[in-house]
Amino acid sequence: MKLEQIKDTISNKILIHSIIWCLFILAALIPFYENKSNINSDFCFQWISGISLFYVNFYYLVPRFLLQKKLWEYLMILFAIIVLFLMIRLAFFPHEIHLEDHPIENFTPKRRPHFFMKFLPILFYLFITAGSTVIKTLSEYYTNQQNKLIAESTRTATELNYLRKQTNPHFLFNALNSIYSLAYQKSDKVPDAIVTLSEMMRYMLYETDNQTVFLEKEINYIKNYIELQKLRLNNIENIYINIHGNTKDKQIEPLLLIAFVENAFKYGTNYKGVAYVKIKITIEDDNLDFWIENKIQEFNKDPDNSGIGMNNIESRLNLLYPNSHQLTILEQNKNYSVHLKLNLDQVKKANT
């Protein structure tokens, strides 16, 4: 926070506190409206000492003792302060406290109200202390909750940033492998592959830094990835992508679905360059239904690199859509399928 903003915040707090105390004092002056002569120096000292007690308790006693679970020290110091204020009032304003300026003649039970009025200020100080303690306790609780939310948000943002950065090199490594395969075969498809890759890299550089991207752009990115894969394959008859529903004005976490697509092509392509990958995307209102299936081909897995994308996507789903996604993964009869149901409105609410 800038210095000017801090000064403005402090000034606003002082102004608000001053207005509140003025309202309290004005309310206390209502009984003296008809006889202003009863407003004495003890009245002034009462409010000066009361306001002082409020802020001593608010800024020092509660945070240093009560919130640190030093209850007895807190009560002893508070008791000493209240007794000190009472002794000052009894020493310097005894007649004003006893209300002896206007004695009532022939009033028999005179001593009892005098005794009661002498210690009535204790209730005033206890009320001030209680109000100060409650306000400070609630304020600290609210601040702690806000700090926890900020810390959690920072942690989530840091982790998501790491996961996104992990996705980019993973994709780039696979794409360069595909182009290398084409170049090794001296294929005429290399220029098209480079153009497609450049479009994808442009999207990754200029779009994915945002918290969300338009679903339409994300799907175009997936289409480009599929086209890039087709360039290196010998048989593309069993590669399908079907999209149903309105993709406009829908938003999604960037690079969220690409790991499933990468995984399907990685494990769904055999050594002859034949792949079997089917993708279906359906959008209804704010709900996304993503389904992808591939044939499990026989080849040697790399234990150091396999599974990076899947672990990545599951972590991001748990962070971004904790209660609004359903992920089902099935593997049977050499078919591997992923079914993801997603509420797109979840991220939009989190970012507002």
Foldseek 3Di string as FASTA:
>chain_A
DDPVVVVVVVVVVVVVVVVVLVVVLVVVCVVCPVPVVLDDPLSVLLSVLLVVLLVCCQPPLCVPAVVVVNVVVSVVVLVVSLVVSLVVCCVPPVCSQQVVPDDDPPDPVSVVVSVVSSCVSVVVNVVSNVVSNVVNVVVVVVVVVVVVVVVLVVVLVVVLVVLLVVVVVVLVVVLVVLLVLCVVVVHPCNVVSVVLVVVLVVCSVPPQVDQKHQQVVQVVSLVSVVVSLVSRAPDCPQEEEEEEDDRPPFIDRHPQCVLVVVLQSVQQAEPNRDGHKYWYWYDDDQKIKIKMKGFGYDDDDDVVPPPSSVVSNVVNCCSQVVPFKDWDWDADPRMTMIIMMGRRVRNVVVVD
